[in-house]
Amino acid sequence: MRHKALLAVVVVAALAILLAVSNPGPEVHKQAIRDAVYKDQPLASALGLGVLSSELATYESYLFWSTMKLQDERVSFGMLGRVRVDVEKLKLPTAKADPSAR
C-alpha cells in the first residue's frame, strides 16, 4: 500500500512540475494574439490592431496556467506550452458588407 501512495505522490509531483515548466510566458501569449488576429481578421491585423491588443493586454500567471486580460476580459488562456485566444473578446472592428451595395 505504501508503494502505491508513493507512486501517486510522484505522479502528482511530476504533473505539477510539467505544468509549471510548460506554462506559456507573456511573449507566447502576445504572439498567439497577433497570430489569431492575423488569421481571423487580416485587415485589422494590417492596421496593427493585433499588435496593439497584445501590448495592451495584461499577463497573469497562476503557476500551472496563465492568461492575458484586456479590459477585464480574458482574451487568452495558456497551459502546457499552448495558448488559446478568444478573438471575439478582443472586440476588434469588423468589416461588414453593405447590403444596399448590390
PDB file of N, CA and C in Angstrom:
ATOM      1  N   MET A   1       0.817  -1.195   0.000  1.00  0.00           N
ATOM      2  CA  MET A   1       0.000   0.000   0.000  1.00  0.00           C
ATOM      3  C   MET A   1       0.862   1.261   0.000  1.00  0.00           C
ATOM      4  N   ARG A   2       1.971   1.252   0.721  1.00  0.00           N
ATOM      5  CA  ARG A   2       2.865   2.408   0.749  1.00  0.00           C
ATOM      6  C   ARG A   2       3.442   2.680  -0.624  1.00  0.00           C
ATOM      7  N   HIS A   3       3.693   1.625  -1.361  1.00  0.00           N
ATOM      8  CA  HIS A   3       4.261   1.766  -2.702  1.00  0.00           C
ATOM      9  C   HIS A   3       3.292   2.514  -3.622  1.00  0.00           C
ATOM     10  N   LYS A   4       2.005   2.189  -3.531  1.00  0.00           N
ATOM     11  CA  LYS A   4       1.000   2.866  -4.364  1.00  0.00           C
ATOM     12  C   LYS A   4       0.864   4.334  -3.975  1.00  0.00           C
ATOM     13  N   ALA A   5       0.910   4.625  -2.705  1.00  0.00           N
ATOM     14  CA  ALA A   5       0.806   6.010  -2.244  1.00  0.00           C
ATOM     15  C   ALA A   5       2.023   6.818  -2.694  1.00  0.00           C
ATOM     16  N   LEU A   6       3.190   6.223  -2.595  1.00  0.00           N
ATOM     17  CA  LEU A   6       4.407   6.893  -3.036  1.00  0.00           C
ATOM     18  C   LEU A   6       4.363   7.131  -4.548  1.00  0.00           C
ATOM     19  N   LEU A   7       3.891   6.154  -5.287  1.00  0.00           N
ATOM     20  CA  LEU A   7       3.766   6.298  -6.734  1.00  0.00           C
ATOM     21  C   LEU A   7       2.787   7.417  -7.090  1.00  0.00           C
ATOM     22  N   ALA A   8       1.688   7.506  -6.373  1.00  0.00           N
ATOM     23  CA  ALA A   8       0.706   8.565  -6.618  1.00  0.00           C
ATOM     24  C   ALA A   8       1.314   9.941  -6.347  1.00  0.00           C
ATOM     25  N   VAL A   9       2.074  10.064  -5.277  1.00  0.00           N
ATOM     26  CA  VAL A   9       2.720  11.332  -4.942  1.00  0.00           C
ATOM     27  C   VAL A   9       3.728  11.717  -6.026  1.00  0.00           C
ATOM     28  N   VAL A  10       4.493  10.751  -6.500  1.00  0.00           N
ATOM     29  CA  VAL A  10       5.479  11.013  -7.548  1.00  0.00           C
ATOM     30  C   VAL A  10       4.797  11.447  -8.839  1.00  0.00           C
ATOM     31  N   VAL A  11       3.703  10.796  -9.199  1.00  0.00           N
ATOM     32  CA  VAL A  11       2.977  11.141 -10.426  1.00  0.00           C
ATOM     33  C   VAL A  11       2.384  12.550 -10.318  1.00  0.00           C
ATOM     34  N   VAL A  12       1.783  12.865  -9.196  1.00  0.00           N
ATOM     35  CA  VAL A  12       1.205  14.202  -8.999  1.00  0.00           C
ATOM     36  C   VAL A  12       2.306  15.260  -9.024  1.00  0.00           C
ATOM     37  N   ALA A  13       3.429  14.989  -8.381  1.00  0.00           N
ATOM     38  CA  ALA A  13       4.543  15.938  -8.377  1.00  0.00           C
ATOM     39  C   ALA A  13       5.098  16.133  -9.785  1.00  0.00           C
ATOM     40  N   ALA A  14       5.219  15.047 -10.536  1.00  0.00           N
ATOM     41  CA  ALA A  14       5.723  15.151 -11.908  1.00  0.00           C
ATOM     42  C   ALA A  14       4.766  15.956 -12.784  1.00  0.00           C
ATOM     43  N   LEU A  15       3.471  15.739 -12.609  1.00  0.00           N
ATOM     44  CA  LEU A  15       2.479  16.502 -13.367  1.00  0.00           C
ATOM     45  C   LEU A  15       2.543  17.985 -13.003  1.00  0.00           C
ATOM     46  N   ALA A  16       2.680  18.297 -11.727  1.00  0.00           N
ATOM     47  CA  ALA A  16       2.774  19.695 -11.281  1.00  0.00           C
ATOM     48  C   ALA A  16       4.024  20.353 -11.860  1.00  0.00           C
ATOM     49  N   ILE A  17       5.132  19.648 -11.868  1.00  0.00           N
ATOM     50  CA  ILE A  17       6.368  20.190 -12.437  1.00  0.00           C
ATOM     51  C   ILE A  17       6.208  20.410 -13.936  1.00  0.00           C
ATOM     52  N   LEU A  18       5.597  19.461 -14.630  1.00  0.00           N
ATOM     53  CA  LEU A  18       5.368  19.597 -16.073  1.00  0.00           C
ATOM     54  C   LEU A  18       4.512  20.817 -16.375  1.00  0.00           C
ATOM     55  N   LEU A  19       3.424  21.008 -15.623  1.00  0.00           N
ATOM     56  CA  LEU A  19       2.544  22.154 -15.836  1.00  0.00           C
ATOM     57  C   LEU A  19       3.269  23.467 -15.547  1.00  0.00           C
ATOM     58  N   ALA A  20       4.039  23.514 -14.473  1.00  0.00           N
ATOM     59  CA  ALA A  20       4.744  24.744 -14.109  1.00  0.00           C
ATOM     60  C   ALA A  20       5.816  25.107 -15.129  1.00  0.00           C
ATOM     61  N   VAL A  21       6.557  24.113 -15.593  1.00  0.00           N
ATOM     62  CA  VAL A  21       7.645  24.374 -16.547  1.00  0.00           C
ATOM     63  C   VAL A  21       7.107  24.756 -17.919  1.00  0.00           C
ATOM     64  N   SER A  22       5.973  24.212 -18.306  1.00  0.00           N
ATOM     65  CA  SER A  22       5.438  24.468 -19.645  1.00  0.00           C
ATOM     66  C   SER A  22       4.411  25.599 -19.678  1.00  0.00           C
ATOM     67  N   ASN A  23       4.282  26.349 -18.590  1.00  0.00           N
ATOM     68  CA  ASN A  23       3.362  27.482 -18.537  1.00  0.00           C
ATOM     69  C   ASN A  23       3.856  28.557 -19.518  1.00  0.00           C
ATOM     70  N   PRO A  24       3.034  28.933 -20.516  1.00  0.00           N
ATOM     71  CA  PRO A  24       3.494  29.922 -21.501  1.00  0.00           C
ATOM     72  C   PRO A  24       3.693  31.304 -20.874  1.00  0.00           C
ATOM     73  N   GLY A  25       4.759  31.964 -21.289  1.00  0.00           N
ATOM     74  CA  GLY A  25       5.063  33.301 -20.790  1.00  0.00           C
ATOM     75  C   GLY A  25       4.315  34.381 -21.556  1.00  0.00           C
ATOM     76  N   PRO A  26       4.524  35.635 -21.177  1.00  0.00           N
ATOM     77  CA  PRO A  26       3.782  36.730 -21.808  1.00  0.00           C
ATOM     78  C   PRO A  26       4.064  36.878 -23.301  1.00  0.00           C
ATOM     79  N   GLU A  27       5.287  36.639 -23.722  1.00  0.00           N
ATOM     80  CA  GLU A  27       5.601  36.779 -25.151  1.00  0.00           C
ATOM     81  C   GLU A  27       4.888  35.731 -25.996  1.00  0.00           C
ATOM     82  N   VAL A  28       4.709  34.539 -25.450  1.00  0.00           N
ATOM     83  CA  VAL A  28       3.980  33.482 -26.173  1.00  0.00           C
ATOM     84  C   VAL A  28       2.514  33.890 -26.328  1.00  0.00           C
ATOM     85  N   HIS A  29       1.941  34.454 -25.277  1.00  0.00           N
ATOM     86  CA  HIS A  29       0.563  34.934 -25.340  1.00  0.00           C
ATOM     87  C   HIS A  29       0.425  36.066 -26.364  1.00  0.00           C
ATOM     88  N   LYS A  30       1.353  37.016 -26.324  1.00  0.00           N
ATOM     89  CA  LYS A  30       1.300  38.149 -27.259  1.00  0.00           C
ATOM     90  C   LYS A  30       1.371  37.665 -28.707  1.00  0.00           C
ATOM     91  N   GLN A  31       2.276  36.743 -28.974  1.00  0.00           N
ATOM     92  CA  GLN A  31       2.397  36.225 -30.342  1.00  0.00           C
ATOM     93  C   GLN A  31       1.143  35.469 -30.751  1.00  0.00           C
ATOM     94  N   ALA A  32       0.553  34.722 -29.831  1.00  0.00           N
ATOM     95  CA  ALA A  32      -0.679  33.988 -30.141  1.00  0.00           C
ATOM     96  C   ALA A  32      -1.819  34.953 -30.455  1.00  0.00           C
ATOM     97  N   ILE A  33      -1.898  36.068 -29.730  1.00  0.00           N
ATOM     98  CA  ILE A  33      -2.931  37.064 -30.014  1.00  0.00           C
ATOM     99  C   ILE A  33      -2.705  37.670 -31.388  1.00  0.00           C
ATOM    100  N   ARG A  34      -1.466  38.050 -31.691  1.00  0.00           N
ATOM    101  CA  ARG A  34      -1.168  38.626 -33.017  1.00  0.00           C
ATOM    102  C   ARG A  34      -1.497  37.633 -34.128  1.00  0.00           C
ATOM    103  N   ASP A  35      -1.128  36.370 -33.940  1.00  0.00           N
ATOM    104  CA  ASP A  35      -1.404  35.339 -34.957  1.00  0.00           C
ATOM    105  C   ASP A  35      -2.904  35.121 -35.140  1.00  0.00           C
ATOM    106  N   ALA A  36      -3.644  35.110 -34.034  1.00  0.00           N
ATOM    107  CA  ALA A  36      -5.090  34.885 -34.114  1.00  0.00           C
ATOM    108  C   ALA A  36      -5.781  36.037 -34.831  1.00  0.00           C
ATOM    109  N   VAL A  37      -5.364  37.269 -34.561  1.00  0.00           N
ATOM    110  CA  VAL A  37      -5.948  38.423 -35.246  1.00  0.00           C
ATOM    111  C   VAL A  37      -5.602  38.373 -36.725  1.00  0.00           C
ATOM    112  N   TYR A  38      -4.365  38.020 -37.047  1.00  0.00           N
ATOM    113  CA  TYR A  38      -3.946  37.921 -38.448  1.00  0.00           C
ATOM    114  C   TYR A  38      -4.777  36.890 -39.196  1.00  0.00           C
ATOM    115  N   LYS A  39      -5.020  35.753 -38.555  1.00  0.00           N
ATOM    116  CA  LYS A  39      -5.773  34.677 -39.195  1.00  0.00           C
ATOM    117  C   LYS A  39      -7.262  35.016 -39.316  1.00  0.00           C
ATOM    118  N   ASP A  40      -7.837  35.579 -38.249  1.00  0.00           N
ATOM    119  CA  ASP A  40      -9.275  35.820 -38.208  1.00  0.00           C
ATOM    120  C   ASP A  40      -9.678  37.121 -38.897  1.00  0.00           C
ATOM    121  N   GLN A  41      -8.867  38.167 -38.746  1.00  0.00           N
ATOM    122  CA  GLN A  41      -9.206  39.477 -39.312  1.00  0.00           C
ATOM    123  C   GLN A  41      -7.956  40.121 -39.915  1.00  0.00           C
ATOM    124  N   PRO A  42      -7.601  39.738 -41.137  1.00  0.00           N
ATOM    125  CA  PRO A  42      -6.370  40.243 -41.753  1.00  0.00           C
ATOM    126  C   PRO A  42      -6.334  41.771 -41.879  1.00  0.00           C
ATOM    127  N   LEU A  43      -7.481  42.401 -42.127  1.00  0.00           N
ATOM    128  CA  LEU A  43      -7.497  43.856 -42.258  1.00  0.00           C
ATOM    129  C   LEU A  43      -7.156  44.515 -40.919  1.00  0.00           C
ATOM    130  N   ALA A  44      -7.737  44.035 -39.850  1.00  0.00           N
ATOM    131  CA  ALA A  44      -7.428  44.563 -38.516  1.00  0.00           C
ATOM    132  C   ALA A  44      -5.957  44.337 -38.188  1.00  0.00           C
ATOM    133  N   SER A  45      -5.418  43.218 -38.614  1.00  0.00           N
ATOM    134  CA  SER A  45      -4.010  42.927 -38.391  1.00  0.00           C
ATOM    135  C   SER A  45      -3.133  43.902 -39.177  1.00  0.00           C
ATOM    136  N   ALA A  46      -3.509  44.180 -40.416  1.00  0.00           N
ATOM    137  CA  ALA A  46      -2.740  45.116 -41.241  1.00  0.00           C
ATOM    138  C   ALA A  46      -2.748  46.518 -40.642  1.00  0.00           C
ATOM    139  N   LEU A  47      -3.805  46.860 -39.945  1.00  0.00           N
ATOM    140  CA  LEU A  47      -3.886  48.169 -39.293  1.00  0.00           C
ATOM    141  C   LEU A  47      -3.143  48.200 -37.956  1.00  0.00           C
ATOM    142  N   GLY A  48      -2.594  47.065 -37.559  1.00  0.00           N
ATOM    143  CA  GLY A  48      -1.809  46.994 -36.330  1.00  0.00           C
ATOM    144  C   GLY A  48      -2.616  46.733 -35.082  1.00  0.00           C
ATOM    145  N   LEU A  49      -3.872  46.352 -35.241  1.00  0.00           N
ATOM    146  CA  LEU A  49      -4.711  46.142 -34.064  1.00  0.00           C
ATOM    147  C   LEU A  49      -4.323  44.887 -33.287  1.00  0.00           C
ATOM    148  N   GLY A  50      -3.756  43.899 -33.960  1.00  0.00           N
ATOM    149  CA  GLY A  50      -3.293  42.699 -33.261  1.00  0.00           C
ATOM    150  C   GLY A  50      -2.129  43.020 -32.344  1.00  0.00           C
ATOM    151  N   VAL A  51      -1.189  43.803 -32.845  1.00  0.00           N
ATOM    152  CA  VAL A  51      -0.034  44.205 -32.037  1.00  0.00           C
ATOM    153  C   VAL A  51      -0.494  45.085 -30.884  1.00  0.00           C
ATOM    154  N   LEU A  52      -1.375  46.034 -31.176  1.00  0.00           N
ATOM    155  CA  LEU A  52      -1.890  46.926 -30.138  1.00  0.00           C
ATOM    156  C   LEU A  52      -2.608  46.133 -29.038  1.00  0.00           C
ATOM    157  N   SER A  53      -3.464  45.209 -29.452  1.00  0.00           N
ATOM    158  CA  SER A  53      -4.197  44.390 -28.473  1.00  0.00           C
ATOM    159  C   SER A  53      -3.235  43.573 -27.621  1.00  0.00           C
ATOM    160  N   SER A  54      -2.228  42.996 -28.252  1.00  0.00           N
ATOM    161  CA  SER A  54      -1.301  42.157 -27.495  1.00  0.00           C
ATOM    162  C   SER A  54      -0.472  42.981 -26.516  1.00  0.00           C
ATOM    163  N   GLU A  55      -0.168  44.216 -26.859  1.00  0.00           N
ATOM    164  CA  GLU A  55       0.619  45.063 -25.966  1.00  0.00           C
ATOM    165  C   GLU A  55      -0.220  45.648 -24.829  1.00  0.00           C
ATOM    166  N   LEU A  56      -1.494  45.883 -25.063  1.00  0.00           N
ATOM    167  CA  LEU A  56      -2.357  46.457 -24.024  1.00  0.00           C
ATOM    168  C   LEU A  56      -2.840  45.416 -23.022  1.00  0.00           C
ATOM    169  N   ALA A  57      -2.837  44.156 -23.428  1.00  0.00           N
ATOM    170  CA  ALA A  57      -3.317  43.084 -22.546  1.00  0.00           C
ATOM    171  C   ALA A  57      -2.337  42.866 -21.391  1.00  0.00           C
ATOM    172  N   THR A  58      -2.880  42.476 -20.255  1.00  0.00           N
ATOM    173  CA  THR A  58      -2.049  42.225 -19.076  1.00  0.00           C
ATOM    174  C   THR A  58      -1.937  40.725 -18.828  1.00  0.00           C
ATOM    175  N   TYR A  59      -0.728  40.305 -18.528  1.00  0.00           N
ATOM    176  CA  TYR A  59      -0.401  38.896 -18.310  1.00  0.00           C
ATOM    177  C   TYR A  59      -0.613  38.537 -16.848  1.00  0.00           C
ATOM    178  N   GLU A  60      -1.221  37.377 -16.621  1.00  0.00           N
ATOM    179  CA  GLU A  60      -1.411  36.854 -15.275  1.00  0.00           C
ATOM    180  C   GLU A  60      -1.006  35.387 -15.256  1.00  0.00           C
ATOM    181  N   SER A  61      -0.067  35.051 -14.384  1.00  0.00           N
ATOM    182  CA  SER A  61       0.402  33.675 -14.262  1.00  0.00           C
ATOM    183  C   SER A  61      -0.140  33.058 -12.978  1.00  0.00           C
ATOM    184  N   TYR A  62      -0.645  31.845 -13.102  1.00  0.00           N
ATOM    185  CA  TYR A  62      -1.171  31.097 -11.966  1.00  0.00           C
ATOM    186  C   TYR A  62      -0.353  29.835 -11.729  1.00  0.00           C
ATOM    187  N   LEU A  63       0.916  29.879 -12.046  1.00  0.00           N
ATOM    188  CA  LEU A  63       1.903  28.814 -11.911  1.00  0.00           C
ATOM    189  C   LEU A  63       1.685  27.674 -12.908  1.00  0.00           C
ATOM    190  N   PHE A  64       0.500  27.084 -12.933  1.00  0.00           N
ATOM    191  CA  PHE A  64       0.248  25.957 -13.825  1.00  0.00           C
ATOM    192  C   PHE A  64      -0.410  26.373 -15.135  1.00  0.00           C
ATOM    193  N   TRP A  65      -1.026  27.541 -15.174  1.00  0.00           N
ATOM    194  CA  TRP A  65      -1.621  28.084 -16.389  1.00  0.00           C
ATOM    195  C   TRP A  65      -1.486  29.598 -16.337  1.00  0.00           C
ATOM    196  N   SER A  66      -1.743  30.255 -17.454  1.00  0.00           N
ATOM    197  CA  SER A  66      -1.641  31.705 -17.494  1.00  0.00           C
ATOM    198  C   SER A  66      -2.711  32.273 -18.419  1.00  0.00           C
ATOM    199  N   THR A  67      -2.990  33.563 -18.226  1.00  0.00           N
ATOM    200  CA  THR A  67      -3.983  34.233 -19.048  1.00  0.00           C
ATOM    201  C   THR A  67      -3.485  35.626 -19.407  1.00  0.00           C
ATOM    202  N   MET A  68      -4.140  36.219 -20.380  1.00  0.00           N
ATOM    203  CA  MET A  68      -3.963  37.638 -20.657  1.00  0.00           C
ATOM    204  C   MET A  68      -5.349  38.246 -20.687  1.00  0.00           C
ATOM    205  N   LYS A  69      -5.479  39.415 -20.048  1.00  0.00           N
ATOM    206  CA  LYS A  69      -6.768  40.091 -19.984  1.00  0.00           C
ATOM    207  C   LYS A  69      -6.656  41.451 -20.654  1.00  0.00           C
ATOM    208  N   LEU A  70      -7.745  41.835 -21.286  1.00  0.00           N
ATOM    209  CA  LEU A  70      -7.861  43.141 -21.917  1.00  0.00           C
ATOM    210  C   LEU A  70      -9.185  43.729 -21.442  1.00  0.00           C
ATOM    211  N   GLN A  71      -9.134  44.803 -20.701  1.00  0.00           N
ATOM    212  CA  GLN A  71     -10.325  45.443 -20.133  1.00  0.00           C
ATOM    213  C   GLN A  71     -11.162  44.439 -19.329  1.00  0.00           C
ATOM    214  N   ASP A  72     -10.525  43.725 -18.445  1.00  0.00           N
ATOM    215  CA  ASP A  72     -11.161  42.741 -17.554  1.00  0.00           C
ATOM    216  C   ASP A  72     -11.798  41.557 -18.279  1.00  0.00           C
ATOM    217  N   GLU A  73     -11.502  41.384 -19.535  1.00  0.00           N
ATOM    218  CA  GLU A  73     -11.965  40.210 -20.299  1.00  0.00           C
ATOM    219  C   GLU A  73     -10.761  39.304 -20.549  1.00  0.00           C
ATOM    220  N   ARG A  74     -10.888  38.025 -20.234  1.00  0.00           N
ATOM    221  CA  ARG A  74      -9.808  37.085 -20.521  1.00  0.00           C
ATOM    222  C   ARG A  74      -9.793  36.811 -22.020  1.00  0.00           C
ATOM    223  N   VAL A  75      -8.724  37.218 -22.703  1.00  0.00           N
ATOM    224  CA  VAL A  75      -8.648  37.049 -24.152  1.00  0.00           C
ATOM    225  C   VAL A  75      -7.779  35.859 -24.543  1.00  0.00           C
ATOM    226  N   SER A  76      -6.930  35.383 -23.621  1.00  0.00           N
ATOM    227  CA  SER A  76      -6.136  34.193 -23.940  1.00  0.00           C
ATOM    228  C   SER A  76      -5.945  33.355 -22.684  1.00  0.00           C
ATOM    229  N   PHE A  77      -5.774  32.059 -22.914  1.00  0.00           N
ATOM    230  CA  PHE A  77      -5.555  31.087 -21.848  1.00  0.00           C
ATOM    231  C   PHE A  77      -4.437  30.165 -22.296  1.00  0.00           C
ATOM    232  N   GLY A  78      -3.435  29.986 -21.462  1.00  0.00           N
ATOM    233  CA  GLY A  78      -2.301  29.146 -21.835  1.00  0.00           C
ATOM    234  C   GLY A  78      -2.006  28.073 -20.813  1.00  0.00           C
ATOM    235  N   MET A  79      -1.670  26.887 -21.335  1.00  0.00           N
ATOM    236  CA  MET A  79      -1.308  25.753 -20.487  1.00  0.00           C
ATOM    237  C   MET A  79      -0.544  24.758 -21.349  1.00  0.00           C
ATOM    238  N   LEU A  80       0.427  24.087 -20.756  1.00  0.00           N
ATOM    239  CA  LEU A  80       1.218  23.071 -21.454  1.00  0.00           C
ATOM    240  C   LEU A  80       1.870  23.615 -22.725  1.00  0.00           C
ATOM    241  N   GLY A  81       2.326  24.857 -22.670  1.00  0.00           N
ATOM    242  CA  GLY A  81       3.029  25.456 -23.796  1.00  0.00           C
ATOM    243  C   GLY A  81       2.136  25.937 -24.931  1.00  0.00           C
ATOM    244  N   ARG A  82       0.842  25.785 -24.792  1.00  0.00           N
ATOM    245  CA  ARG A  82      -0.110  26.191 -25.834  1.00  0.00           C
ATOM    246  C   ARG A  82      -0.954  27.354 -25.337  1.00  0.00           C
ATOM    247  N   VAL A  83      -1.395  28.208 -26.265  1.00  0.00           N
ATOM    248  CA  VAL A  83      -2.229  29.343 -25.908  1.00  0.00           C
ATOM    249  C   VAL A  83      -3.458  29.346 -26.805  1.00  0.00           C
ATOM    250  N   ARG A  84      -4.623  29.511 -26.187  1.00  0.00           N
ATOM    251  CA  ARG A  84      -5.884  29.628 -26.912  1.00  0.00           C
ATOM    252  C   ARG A  84      -6.346  31.065 -26.798  1.00  0.00           C
ATOM    253  N   VAL A  85      -6.692  31.676 -27.942  1.00  0.00           N
ATOM    254  CA  VAL A  85      -7.107  33.074 -27.974  1.00  0.00           C
ATOM    255  C   VAL A  85      -8.574  33.145 -28.370  1.00  0.00           C
ATOM    256  N   ASP A  86      -9.341  33.955 -27.643  1.00  0.00           N
ATOM    257  CA  ASP A  86     -10.741  34.210 -27.972  1.00  0.00           C
ATOM    258  C   ASP A  86     -10.790  35.564 -28.680  1.00  0.00           C
ATOM    259  N   VAL A  87     -10.753  35.534 -30.012  1.00  0.00           N
ATOM    260  CA  VAL A  87     -10.676  36.754 -30.821  1.00  0.00           C
ATOM    261  C   VAL A  87     -11.911  37.623 -30.626  1.00  0.00           C
ATOM    262  N   GLU A  88     -13.059  37.024 -30.402  1.00  0.00           N
ATOM    263  CA  GLU A  88     -14.285  37.802 -30.204  1.00  0.00           C
ATOM    264  C   GLU A  88     -14.184  38.721 -28.994  1.00  0.00           C
ATOM    265  N   LYS A  89     -13.483  38.298 -27.964  1.00  0.00           N
ATOM    266  CA  LYS A  89     -13.362  39.118 -26.761  1.00  0.00           C
ATOM    267  C   LYS A  89     -12.393  40.287 -26.954  1.00  0.00           C
ATOM    268  N   LEU A  90     -11.632  40.284 -28.042  1.00  0.00           N
ATOM    269  CA  LEU A  90     -10.751  41.411 -28.331  1.00  0.00           C
ATOM    270  C   LEU A  90     -11.546  42.624 -28.796  1.00  0.00           C
ATOM    271  N   LYS A  91     -12.783  42.385 -29.247  1.00  0.00           N
ATOM    272  CA  LYS A  91     -13.695  43.443 -29.684  1.00  0.00           C
ATOM    273  C   LYS A  91     -13.082  44.323 -30.776  1.00  0.00           C
ATOM    274  N   LEU A  92     -12.526  43.665 -31.777  1.00  0.00           N
ATOM    275  CA  LEU A  92     -11.952  44.390 -32.907  1.00  0.00           C
ATOM    276  C   LEU A  92     -13.053  44.792 -33.874  1.00  0.00           C
ATOM    277  N   PRO A  93     -12.889  45.916 -34.547  1.00  0.00           N
ATOM    278  CA  PRO A  93     -13.896  46.301 -35.551  1.00  0.00           C
ATOM    279  C   PRO A  93     -13.864  45.320 -36.724  1.00  0.00           C
ATOM    280  N   THR A  94     -15.023  44.999 -37.240  1.00  0.00           N
ATOM    281  CA  THR A  94     -15.096  44.071 -38.366  1.00  0.00           C
ATOM    282  C   THR A  94     -15.636  44.812 -39.580  1.00  0.00           C
ATOM    283  N   ALA A  95     -15.143  44.413 -40.743  1.00  0.00           N
ATOM    284  CA  ALA A  95     -15.625  44.988 -41.984  1.00  0.00           C
ATOM    285  C   ALA A  95     -16.868  44.207 -42.409  1.00  0.00           C
ATOM    286  N   LYS A  96     -18.010  44.886 -42.455  1.00  0.00           N
ATOM    287  CA  LYS A  96     -19.257  44.219 -42.837  1.00  0.00           C
ATOM    288  C   LYS A  96     -19.667  44.706 -44.207  1.00  0.00           C
ATOM    289  N   ALA A  97     -20.180  43.787 -44.996  1.00  0.00           N
ATOM    290  CA  ALA A  97     -20.632  44.134 -46.330  1.00  0.00           C
ATOM    291  C   ALA A  97     -21.905  44.962 -46.249  1.00  0.00           C
ATOM    292  N   ASP A  98     -21.999  45.966 -47.070  1.00  0.00           N
ATOM    293  CA  ASP A  98     -23.183  46.821 -47.125  1.00  0.00           C
ATOM    294  C   ASP A  98     -24.242  46.125 -47.954  1.00  0.00           C
ATOM    295  N   PRO A  99     -25.397  45.735 -47.382  1.00  0.00           N
ATOM    296  CA  PRO A  99     -26.408  45.000 -48.141  1.00  0.00           C
ATOM    297  C   PRO A  99     -27.041  45.862 -49.252  1.00  0.00           C
ATOM    298  N   SER A 100     -26.985  47.171 -49.153  1.00  0.00           N
ATOM    299  CA  SER A 100     -27.569  48.018 -50.178  1.00  0.00           C
ATOM    300  C   SER A 100     -26.618  48.235 -51.359  1.00  0.00           C
ATOM    301  N   ALA A 101     -25.418  47.674 -51.290  1.00  0.00           N
ATOM    302  CA  ALA A 101     -24.441  47.883 -52.361  1.00  0.00           C
ATOM    303  C   ALA A 101     -24.657  46.948 -53.537  1.00  0.00           C
ATOM    304  N   ARG A 102     -25.679  46.147 -53.522  1.00  0.00           N
ATOM    305  CA  ARG A 102     -25.905  45.175 -54.602  1.00  0.00           C
ATOM    306  C   ARG A 102     -26.511  45.791 -55.770  1.00  0.00           C
TER     307      ARG A 102
END
